[in-house]
Amino acid sequence: MTQTSKNIAIIGSGLVGSLLAIYLRKKGHSITVFDRRPDIRTIEFSGRSINLAMSNRGWRSLQKVGLEDSIKEIAIPLDKRAMHVNDKPVYFQKYGKDGEAIWSISRGILNKRMIDLAEEAGAEFRFNEKVWDVNLPEAKIYTGESEKSEWKEYQYDLIFGCDGAFSRVRHKMQRRSRFDYSQDFLDVGYKELTIPANADGTHKLDKNSFHIWPRGKFMLIAMPNIDGSFTCTLFLPFEGEVSFEKITTPEEAKAFFKEYFPNVKNEIENLSQDFFKNPTSAMVTMKCYPWTYWNKVALVGDSAHAIVPFYGQGMNAGFEDIYELNELMETHGDDWDVIFSEYQKTRKPNADAIAELSYRNFVEMSSKTANPKFLLQKKIEKWFASKHPDKWVPVYSRVTFSDRPYAEALAIGDRQEAIMKEVMQMPNIEEKWDSTGVEEMIIGLLDNQI
């Protein structure tokens, strides 16, 4: 269904704001994107980024507007985890079936490419222009150099808040009656580090793996870049025995990496320099409702549902918001009241589900992936799924390699976990994990649940 052209403001030039601009331009709308920051194409990136993991939901959203091939040029497929456990050789865990992979992309490189594509589509970007206030009922925004300077007023038909976890647009919505809001910070922070490429430009670690050094309450991850380097992220408690607060000198940083990450010892000099050069950042789960105000203003992506990064779904979930919004626009045309109402009703349960799954995956990645019992459980699940693909799809595959709702993945995952809890209590499960008896037990438990 076609739409009447509207004059639309998007607040935030990040990944979600840029992709939304492209979608709306293709519908014939006039788009202005505001961002308080400078144009990231003209500055060095901040050292505050976790590499992105593009999966099915993200690719589907890009494919819809013909961008999949352009983005794959700057991405590397990862078909497995590489687990670095001290005193053991590196071992690999396949993510899914053959051909299934997540794709590692530098956030900065992708964001620059997305802004270029949005400009090519006809969107206008206004950088270094901070939105200080929003008149929600009238869809007006006010920008200025500071809170006390003279403000400019802009009138729009619609406003989309794509300005992240600490959204100015949402902040204005929070002041209205009956607006639910919560934020939950992890006690763990993160810091970006880098493993540079070899002298010949090749990668120092396997380039088609997501590398994890699980250490219980903390961990290091590494994802490859197209220039041969790896963007690493150290997740570490802010306070405590092993924590950011305990590492205050280059010597302490070197000792920390030497003790807990001995197989990256050749990179210690570089890692310890990055440790003090790059900021320590916090991670937050943010939930709110409603996401829209009448038929004038809507929140999209992190401004509506910020999540912790441990399922690699933050960007994918934001892109899926846009895909679902577009489906509603195609169904309901100019009825923005229905579009916004249906958008928040259908997306909210899925946003809550991926928030929960993301938090759980932190526990899994940091502590359980080094646990033999956990690894055996995953081995049994994979074995059973390969024999009965109609009966068992692992929750990771439901989230990452599927377009089915996140809420469905969470509910089915909980049922599967209850079944595996019983299976893992079988006597001598280590010896008979791939036996007919185990297979029949799982089938029986599945049948009883239906």
Protein backbone atom coordinates (compact mmCIF):
# COMPACT_ATOMS: atom_id res chain seq x y z
CA MET A 1 0.00 0.00 0.00
CA THR A 2 1.36 3.46 -0.87
CA GLN A 3 1.72 6.27 1.65
CA THR A 4 1.25 10.01 1.41
CA SER A 5 4.63 11.73 1.67
CA LYS A 6 5.37 13.05 5.17
CA ASN A 7 8.04 15.36 6.56
CA ILE A 8 9.84 13.13 9.09
CA ALA A 9 12.62 13.74 11.62
CA ILE A 10 14.86 10.93 12.83
CA ILE A 11 16.87 11.64 15.99
CA GLY A 12 20.14 9.69 15.94
CA SER A 13 22.41 8.81 12.99
CA GLY A 14 23.48 5.41 14.29
CA LEU A 15 22.79 2.12 12.57
CA VAL A 16 19.06 2.08 13.30
CA GLY A 17 18.52 5.74 12.44
CA SER A 18 20.39 5.37 9.15
CA LEU A 19 18.55 2.21 8.07
CA LEU A 20 15.18 3.71 9.04
CA ALA A 21 16.02 6.75 6.90
CA ILE A 22 16.62 4.45 3.91
CA TYR A 23 13.33 2.59 4.43
CA LEU A 24 11.33 5.81 4.78
CA ARG A 25 12.97 7.43 1.76
CA LYS A 26 11.96 4.40 -0.31
CA LYS A 27 8.38 5.10 0.78
CA GLY A 28 8.70 8.64 -0.60
CA HIS A 29 9.00 10.52 2.69
CA SER A 30 11.17 13.59 3.25
CA ILE A 31 13.79 12.69 5.90
CA THR A 32 16.03 14.82 8.14
CA VAL A 33 18.37 13.02 10.55
CA PHE A 34 19.64 14.97 13.57
CA ASP A 35 22.66 13.97 15.63
CA ARG A 36 24.37 15.83 18.48
CA ARG A 37 27.69 14.22 17.54
CA PRO A 38 29.99 15.13 14.63
CA ASP A 39 29.80 13.12 11.41
CA ILE A 40 31.63 9.88 12.29
CA ARG A 41 32.96 9.69 8.73
CA THR A 42 35.22 12.64 9.58
CA ILE A 43 36.61 11.48 12.96
CA GLU A 44 38.40 8.51 14.51
CA PHE A 45 36.02 6.06 16.19
CA SER A 46 35.80 6.23 19.97
CA GLY A 47 37.26 2.93 21.22
CA ARG A 48 33.91 2.18 22.82
CA SER A 49 32.61 -0.34 20.31
CA ILE A 50 31.87 -4.04 20.49
CA ASN A 51 32.06 -5.58 17.03
CA LEU A 52 28.66 -6.42 15.61
CA ALA A 53 27.37 -9.90 14.82
CA MET A 54 24.96 -9.67 11.91
CA SER A 55 22.57 -12.63 11.77
CA ASN A 56 19.39 -13.61 9.92
CA ARG A 57 17.16 -10.83 11.25
CA GLY A 58 19.64 -8.13 10.29
CA TRP A 59 20.30 -9.59 6.85
CA ARG A 60 16.56 -9.89 6.14
CA SER A 61 16.11 -6.21 7.01
CA LEU A 62 18.99 -5.17 4.72
CA GLN A 63 17.85 -7.48 1.93
CA LYS A 64 14.41 -5.84 1.87
CA VAL A 65 15.99 -2.57 0.70
CA GLY A 66 18.67 -4.17 -1.49
CA LEU A 67 21.66 -3.58 0.81
CA GLU A 68 22.73 -7.12 1.73
CA ASP A 69 25.52 -7.46 -0.87
CA SER A 70 26.93 -4.00 -0.12
CA ILE A 71 27.22 -4.81 3.59
CA LYS A 72 28.63 -8.33 3.10
CA GLU A 73 31.64 -6.67 1.44
CA ILE A 74 32.70 -5.35 4.86
CA ALA A 75 31.80 -8.46 6.92
CA ILE A 76 33.45 -11.80 7.78
CA PRO A 77 31.39 -14.98 8.34
CA LEU A 78 31.98 -16.80 11.65
CA ASP A 79 30.66 -20.36 11.70
CA LYS A 80 31.98 -21.39 15.12
CA ARG A 81 33.19 -20.37 18.55
CA ALA A 82 36.87 -20.85 19.40
CA MET A 83 37.17 -21.57 23.12
CA HIS A 84 40.44 -20.60 24.82
CA VAL A 85 40.54 -22.40 28.17
CA ASN A 86 43.79 -22.23 30.14
CA ASP A 87 45.98 -25.37 30.03
CA LYS A 88 43.93 -26.85 27.17
CA PRO A 89 44.29 -26.59 23.41
CA VAL A 90 41.83 -24.28 21.64
CA TYR A 91 38.63 -26.16 20.80
CA PHE A 92 35.84 -25.22 18.44
CA GLN A 93 32.04 -25.31 18.71
CA LYS A 94 30.02 -25.02 15.49
CA TYR A 95 27.19 -22.47 15.74
CA GLY A 96 24.62 -24.26 13.65
CA LYS A 97 24.24 -26.40 10.57
CA ASP A 98 26.73 -26.24 7.69
CA GLY A 99 26.45 -22.88 5.98
CA GLU A 100 25.05 -21.10 9.04
CA ALA A 101 27.20 -18.27 10.36
CA ILE A 102 27.08 -14.94 12.11
CA TRP A 103 28.98 -12.11 10.42
CA SER A 104 31.54 -9.93 12.18
CA ILE A 105 31.39 -6.24 11.23
CA SER A 106 33.16 -3.23 12.70
CA ARG A 107 30.50 -0.90 14.11
CA GLY A 108 32.33 2.19 12.90
CA ILE A 109 32.84 0.91 9.34
CA LEU A 110 29.21 -0.23 9.10
CA ASN A 111 27.84 3.05 10.49
CA LYS A 112 29.86 5.07 7.97
CA ARG A 113 28.60 2.87 5.12
CA MET A 114 24.98 3.17 6.33
CA ILE A 115 25.15 6.99 6.48
CA ASP A 116 26.58 7.05 2.94
CA LEU A 117 23.73 4.83 1.72
CA ALA A 118 21.10 6.93 3.52
CA GLU A 119 22.48 10.11 1.91
CA GLU A 120 22.46 8.41 -1.48
CA ALA A 121 18.79 7.55 -0.85
CA GLY A 122 18.10 11.27 -0.30
CA ALA A 123 18.11 11.70 3.49
CA GLU A 124 19.52 14.95 4.89
CA PHE A 125 21.86 14.68 7.90
CA ARG A 126 22.35 17.48 10.41
CA PHE A 127 25.39 16.69 12.56
CA ASN A 128 26.48 18.67 15.63
CA GLU A 129 22.87 19.68 16.15
CA LYS A 130 21.58 18.52 19.52
CA VAL A 131 17.88 18.05 20.18
CA TRP A 132 17.14 19.58 23.59
CA ASP A 133 13.38 19.31 23.67
CA VAL A 134 10.49 17.63 21.86
CA ASN A 135 6.89 18.80 21.74
CA LEU A 136 5.28 15.37 21.50
CA PRO A 137 1.65 16.27 20.63
CA GLU A 138 2.72 18.67 17.88
CA ALA A 139 5.82 16.77 16.60
CA LYS A 140 8.13 19.77 17.07
CA ILE A 141 11.80 19.53 18.00
CA TYR A 142 14.09 22.19 19.44
CA THR A 143 17.84 22.23 18.80
CA GLY A 144 20.64 24.49 19.97
CA GLU A 145 24.29 24.73 20.97
CA SER A 146 23.48 24.39 24.67
CA GLU A 147 20.52 24.07 26.99
CA LYS A 148 20.68 27.82 27.68
CA SER A 149 21.37 29.04 24.13
CA GLU A 150 18.71 30.18 21.73
CA TRP A 151 16.92 27.19 20.23
CA LYS A 152 15.69 26.57 16.70
CA GLU A 153 12.20 25.12 16.31
CA TYR A 154 11.41 22.54 13.63
CA GLN A 155 7.94 21.28 12.76
CA TYR A 156 7.50 17.70 11.47
CA ASP A 157 4.67 15.32 10.71
CA LEU A 158 6.38 12.42 12.50
CA ILE A 159 9.41 11.97 14.78
CA PHE A 160 11.36 8.74 15.29
CA GLY A 161 13.66 8.47 18.32
CA CYS A 162 16.66 6.33 17.32
CA ASP A 163 19.02 7.99 19.79
CA GLY A 164 20.07 5.01 21.87
CA ALA A 165 19.78 3.77 25.44
CA PHE A 166 19.86 7.31 26.90
CA SER A 167 17.42 8.72 24.36
CA ARG A 168 16.40 12.37 24.57
CA VAL A 169 13.10 11.56 22.86
CA ARG A 170 12.29 8.83 25.38
CA HIS A 171 13.34 11.14 28.22
CA LYS A 172 10.60 13.51 27.12
CA MET A 173 8.08 10.65 26.90
CA GLN A 174 9.02 9.54 30.44
CA ARG A 175 7.57 12.75 31.84
CA ARG A 176 4.11 11.80 30.67
CA SER A 177 1.65 9.99 32.90
CA ARG A 178 1.56 6.17 32.88
CA PHE A 179 4.89 5.70 31.16
CA ASP A 180 6.67 2.57 32.47
CA TYR A 181 10.45 2.69 32.56
CA SER A 182 13.28 0.66 34.09
CA GLN A 183 17.02 0.44 33.68
CA ASP A 184 19.27 -2.26 35.02
CA PHE A 185 23.06 -1.92 34.92
CA LEU A 186 25.35 -4.96 35.02
CA ASP A 187 28.09 -4.96 37.65
CA VAL A 188 30.37 -5.85 34.76
CA GLY A 189 31.85 -3.23 32.43
CA TYR A 190 33.67 -3.56 29.13
CA LYS A 191 36.73 -2.16 27.44
CA GLU A 192 37.72 -2.35 23.78
CA LEU A 193 41.17 -3.76 22.97
CA THR A 194 42.88 -4.68 19.69
CA ILE A 195 44.98 -7.53 18.34
CA PRO A 196 46.67 -6.06 15.22
CA ALA A 197 47.14 -7.96 11.97
CA ASN A 198 50.30 -9.85 11.09
CA ALA A 199 52.87 -7.89 9.09
CA ASP A 200 51.47 -9.37 5.87
CA GLY A 201 47.89 -8.35 6.77
CA THR A 202 46.70 -11.82 7.78
CA HIS A 203 44.83 -12.62 11.00
CA LYS A 204 46.76 -13.90 14.05
CA LEU A 205 43.87 -16.16 15.12
CA ASP A 206 41.41 -18.24 13.11
CA LYS A 207 39.51 -15.60 11.15
CA ASN A 208 36.21 -17.47 10.82
CA SER A 209 35.72 -17.97 14.57
CA PHE A 210 34.25 -15.94 17.40
CA HIS A 211 37.04 -16.23 20.00
CA ILE A 212 36.13 -16.52 23.69
CA TRP A 213 38.37 -16.73 26.74
CA PRO A 214 35.85 -17.71 29.47
CA ARG A 215 37.11 -17.02 33.00
CA GLY A 216 34.07 -17.40 35.27
CA LYS A 217 33.06 -13.90 36.35
CA PHE A 218 34.86 -12.25 33.46
CA MET A 219 35.91 -13.00 29.89
CA LEU A 220 37.66 -11.73 26.79
CA ILE A 221 36.20 -12.01 23.29
CA ALA A 222 37.73 -11.29 19.89
CA MET A 223 36.04 -10.75 16.52
CA PRO A 224 37.88 -10.36 13.21
CA ASN A 225 38.02 -7.27 11.00
CA ILE A 226 38.58 -7.16 7.25
CA ASP A 227 41.99 -5.46 7.73
CA GLY A 228 43.40 -8.54 9.54
CA SER A 229 43.01 -7.15 13.06
CA PHE A 230 40.69 -8.36 15.82
CA THR A 231 38.49 -6.12 17.91
CA CYS A 232 38.66 -7.57 21.41
CA THR A 233 36.33 -6.78 24.28
CA LEU A 234 37.27 -7.39 27.89
CA PHE A 235 34.25 -7.88 30.15
CA LEU A 236 35.28 -7.43 33.78
CA PRO A 237 33.54 -6.47 37.06
CA PHE A 238 33.87 -2.80 37.99
CA GLU A 239 34.79 -3.68 41.58
CA GLY A 240 36.06 -6.77 43.40
CA GLU A 241 39.07 -9.04 43.65
CA VAL A 242 39.63 -9.23 39.88
CA SER A 243 38.19 -6.00 38.49
CA PHE A 244 38.79 -2.76 36.65
CA GLU A 245 39.36 -0.92 39.93
CA LYS A 246 42.30 -3.25 40.76
CA ILE A 247 44.20 -2.54 37.53
CA THR A 248 45.69 0.92 37.87
CA THR A 249 49.19 0.69 36.32
CA PRO A 250 50.66 -0.76 33.08
CA GLU A 251 52.52 -3.34 35.19
CA GLU A 252 49.25 -4.52 36.79
CA ALA A 253 47.61 -4.72 33.34
CA LYS A 254 50.49 -6.81 31.96
CA ALA A 255 50.38 -9.11 34.99
CA PHE A 256 46.60 -9.51 34.58
CA PHE A 257 46.83 -10.52 30.90
CA LYS A 258 49.80 -12.80 31.58
CA GLU A 259 47.96 -14.67 34.34
CA TYR A 260 44.52 -15.03 32.80
CA PHE A 261 45.18 -14.92 29.03
CA PRO A 262 48.59 -16.57 28.57
CA ASN A 263 47.98 -17.54 24.92
CA VAL A 264 47.81 -13.86 23.93
CA LYS A 265 51.11 -13.08 25.66
CA ASN A 266 52.67 -11.79 22.42
CA GLU A 267 49.99 -9.10 22.37
CA ILE A 268 50.30 -8.05 26.02
CA GLU A 269 52.17 -4.82 25.26
CA ASN A 270 49.47 -3.76 22.83
CA LEU A 271 46.58 -4.92 25.03
CA SER A 272 47.89 -3.13 28.12
CA GLN A 273 48.34 0.12 26.15
CA ASP A 274 44.73 -0.11 24.89
CA PHE A 275 43.62 -0.83 28.45
CA PHE A 276 44.50 2.70 29.54
CA LYS A 277 43.83 4.46 26.25
CA ASN A 278 40.22 3.28 25.81
CA PRO A 279 37.33 4.09 28.16
CA THR A 280 35.62 1.60 30.46
CA SER A 281 31.95 1.46 29.54
CA ALA A 282 28.83 0.27 31.31
CA MET A 283 26.11 -2.08 30.01
CA VAL A 284 22.43 -1.55 30.65
CA THR A 285 19.14 -3.30 30.02
CA MET A 286 16.50 -0.65 29.46
CA LYS A 287 12.77 -1.35 29.17
CA CYS A 288 9.89 1.05 28.65
CA TYR A 289 6.30 1.28 27.46
CA PRO A 290 4.57 2.74 25.51
CA TRP A 291 6.98 3.20 22.62
CA THR A 292 4.77 5.66 20.75
CA TYR A 293 2.95 8.89 21.49
CA TRP A 294 -0.37 9.16 19.69
CA ASN A 295 0.38 8.88 15.99
CA LYS A 296 3.26 11.39 16.03
CA VAL A 297 6.34 9.98 17.79
CA ALA A 298 7.86 6.48 18.01
CA LEU A 299 10.96 4.94 19.59
CA VAL A 300 12.99 2.42 17.57
CA GLY A 301 15.96 0.24 18.55
CA ASP A 302 17.92 0.88 21.77
CA SER A 303 15.85 3.93 22.69
CA ALA A 304 12.91 1.52 23.17
CA HIS A 305 14.73 -1.61 24.37
CA ALA A 306 18.47 -1.44 25.11
CA ILE A 307 19.94 -4.87 25.90
CA VAL A 308 23.32 -6.25 26.98
CA PRO A 309 25.42 -7.46 24.02
CA PHE A 310 25.82 -11.15 24.84
CA TYR A 311 23.57 -12.59 22.16
CA GLY A 312 24.83 -10.23 19.46
CA GLN A 313 21.22 -9.19 18.87
CA GLY A 314 21.08 -5.47 19.73
CA MET A 315 21.54 -4.28 16.15
CA ASN A 316 19.57 -7.23 14.75
CA ALA A 317 16.61 -6.46 17.04
CA GLY A 318 16.71 -2.77 16.07
CA PHE A 319 16.80 -3.65 12.37
CA GLU A 320 13.90 -6.05 12.90
CA ASP A 321 11.90 -3.19 14.48
CA ILE A 322 12.28 -1.36 11.16
CA TYR A 323 11.38 -4.43 9.10
CA GLU A 324 8.19 -4.95 11.14
CA LEU A 325 7.33 -1.24 10.96
CA ASN A 326 7.67 -1.44 7.19
CA GLU A 327 5.35 -4.47 7.03
CA LEU A 328 2.75 -2.47 8.96
CA MET A 329 3.19 0.53 6.66
CA GLU A 330 2.61 -1.70 3.64
CA THR A 331 -0.54 -3.13 5.25
CA HIS A 332 -2.08 0.04 6.71
CA GLY A 333 -0.90 2.81 4.38
CA ASP A 334 -1.54 6.24 5.91
CA ASP A 335 -3.17 4.96 9.11
CA TRP A 336 -0.26 5.87 11.39
CA ASP A 337 -2.45 5.41 14.46
CA VAL A 338 -2.83 1.70 13.68
CA ILE A 339 0.78 1.37 12.47
CA PHE A 340 2.22 2.74 15.73
CA SER A 341 -0.26 0.87 17.93
CA GLU A 342 0.43 -2.51 16.28
CA TYR A 343 4.18 -1.85 16.16
CA GLN A 344 4.57 -1.44 19.92
CA LYS A 345 2.14 -4.25 20.78
CA THR A 346 3.90 -6.83 18.61
CA ARG A 347 7.50 -5.75 19.29
CA LYS A 348 7.41 -5.21 23.06
CA PRO A 349 7.12 -8.93 24.09
CA ASN A 350 9.94 -9.81 21.71
CA ALA A 351 12.16 -7.01 23.02
CA ASP A 352 11.63 -8.26 26.58
CA ALA A 353 12.43 -11.83 25.50
CA ILE A 354 15.74 -10.97 23.81
CA ALA A 355 16.71 -8.86 26.84
CA GLU A 356 16.29 -11.95 29.04
CA LEU A 357 18.09 -14.24 26.59
CA SER A 358 20.99 -11.78 26.28
CA TYR A 359 21.52 -11.63 30.02
CA ARG A 360 21.44 -15.44 30.30
CA ASN A 361 23.98 -15.76 27.50
CA PHE A 362 26.49 -13.72 29.51
CA VAL A 363 26.36 -16.35 32.26
CA GLU A 364 26.70 -19.08 29.64
CA MET A 365 29.61 -17.51 27.76
CA SER A 366 31.67 -16.47 30.78
CA SER A 367 31.33 -19.51 33.02
CA LYS A 368 29.42 -22.43 31.51
CA THR A 369 31.29 -22.75 28.21
CA ALA A 370 34.29 -24.12 30.10
CA ASN A 371 32.16 -26.60 32.09
CA PRO A 372 32.38 -30.26 30.84
CA LYS A 373 28.79 -31.01 31.93
CA PHE A 374 27.48 -28.01 30.01
CA LEU A 375 29.50 -28.96 26.93
CA LEU A 376 28.10 -32.50 27.10
CA GLN A 377 24.56 -31.11 27.32
CA LYS A 378 25.14 -29.01 24.21
CA LYS A 379 26.62 -32.05 22.45
CA ILE A 380 23.50 -34.10 23.25
CA GLU A 381 21.20 -31.30 22.07
CA LYS A 382 23.11 -31.03 18.78
CA TRP A 383 23.11 -34.80 18.28
CA PHE A 384 19.37 -35.05 18.95
CA ALA A 385 18.61 -32.02 16.76
CA SER A 386 20.53 -33.57 13.83
CA LYS A 387 18.48 -36.78 14.16
CA HIS A 388 15.15 -35.00 14.75
CA PRO A 389 15.30 -31.53 13.17
CA ASP A 390 11.49 -31.42 13.23
CA LYS A 391 11.41 -31.94 17.00
CA TRP A 392 14.37 -29.89 18.29
CA VAL A 393 15.87 -26.60 17.13
CA PRO A 394 18.41 -25.25 19.69
CA VAL A 395 17.46 -21.89 21.18
CA TYR A 396 20.62 -20.27 19.79
CA SER A 397 19.57 -21.27 16.27
CA ARG A 398 16.02 -20.02 16.89
CA VAL A 399 17.41 -16.61 17.84
CA THR A 400 20.29 -16.33 15.39
CA PHE A 401 19.38 -18.32 12.27
CA SER A 402 15.64 -17.79 12.23
CA ASP A 403 13.10 -15.00 11.84
CA ARG A 404 10.65 -16.49 14.33
CA PRO A 405 9.69 -14.25 17.29
CA TYR A 406 12.19 -13.88 20.14
CA ALA A 407 9.36 -14.57 22.61
CA GLU A 408 8.78 -17.96 20.99
CA ALA A 409 12.52 -18.77 21.19
CA LEU A 410 12.54 -17.93 24.92
CA ALA A 411 9.44 -20.05 25.70
CA ILE A 412 10.62 -23.08 23.71
CA GLY A 413 14.15 -22.69 25.11
CA ASP A 414 12.80 -22.85 28.67
CA ARG A 415 10.93 -26.07 27.86
CA GLN A 416 14.04 -27.58 26.25
CA GLU A 417 16.16 -26.64 29.28
CA ALA A 418 13.69 -28.42 31.60
CA ILE A 419 13.97 -31.56 29.45
CA MET A 420 17.78 -31.45 29.37
CA LYS A 421 17.90 -31.03 33.15
CA GLU A 422 16.22 -34.44 33.48
CA VAL A 423 18.38 -36.01 30.76
CA MET A 424 21.61 -34.84 32.42
CA GLN A 425 20.58 -36.58 35.66
CA MET A 426 20.56 -40.01 33.98
CA PRO A 427 23.17 -42.35 35.51
CA ASN A 428 26.33 -42.66 33.40
CA ILE A 429 25.09 -40.08 30.90
CA GLU A 430 28.71 -39.45 29.88
CA GLU A 431 28.99 -43.00 28.48
CA LYS A 432 25.56 -43.36 26.89
CA TRP A 433 24.78 -39.80 25.75
CA ASP A 434 24.23 -40.90 22.12
CA SER A 435 22.26 -44.07 22.89
CA THR A 436 18.75 -45.08 21.84
CA GLY A 437 17.70 -44.82 25.49
CA VAL A 438 18.59 -41.13 25.66
CA GLU A 439 16.90 -40.49 22.32
CA GLU A 440 13.68 -42.20 23.49
CA MET A 441 13.74 -40.33 26.79
CA ILE A 442 13.91 -36.94 25.05
CA ILE A 443 11.12 -37.91 22.63
CA GLY A 444 8.99 -39.06 25.58
CA LEU A 445 9.58 -35.83 27.50
CA LEU A 446 8.75 -33.77 24.40
CA ASP A 447 5.53 -35.73 23.86
CA ASN A 448 4.49 -35.28 27.50
CA GLN A 449 4.97 -31.51 27.23
CA ILE A 450 2.61 -31.14 24.27
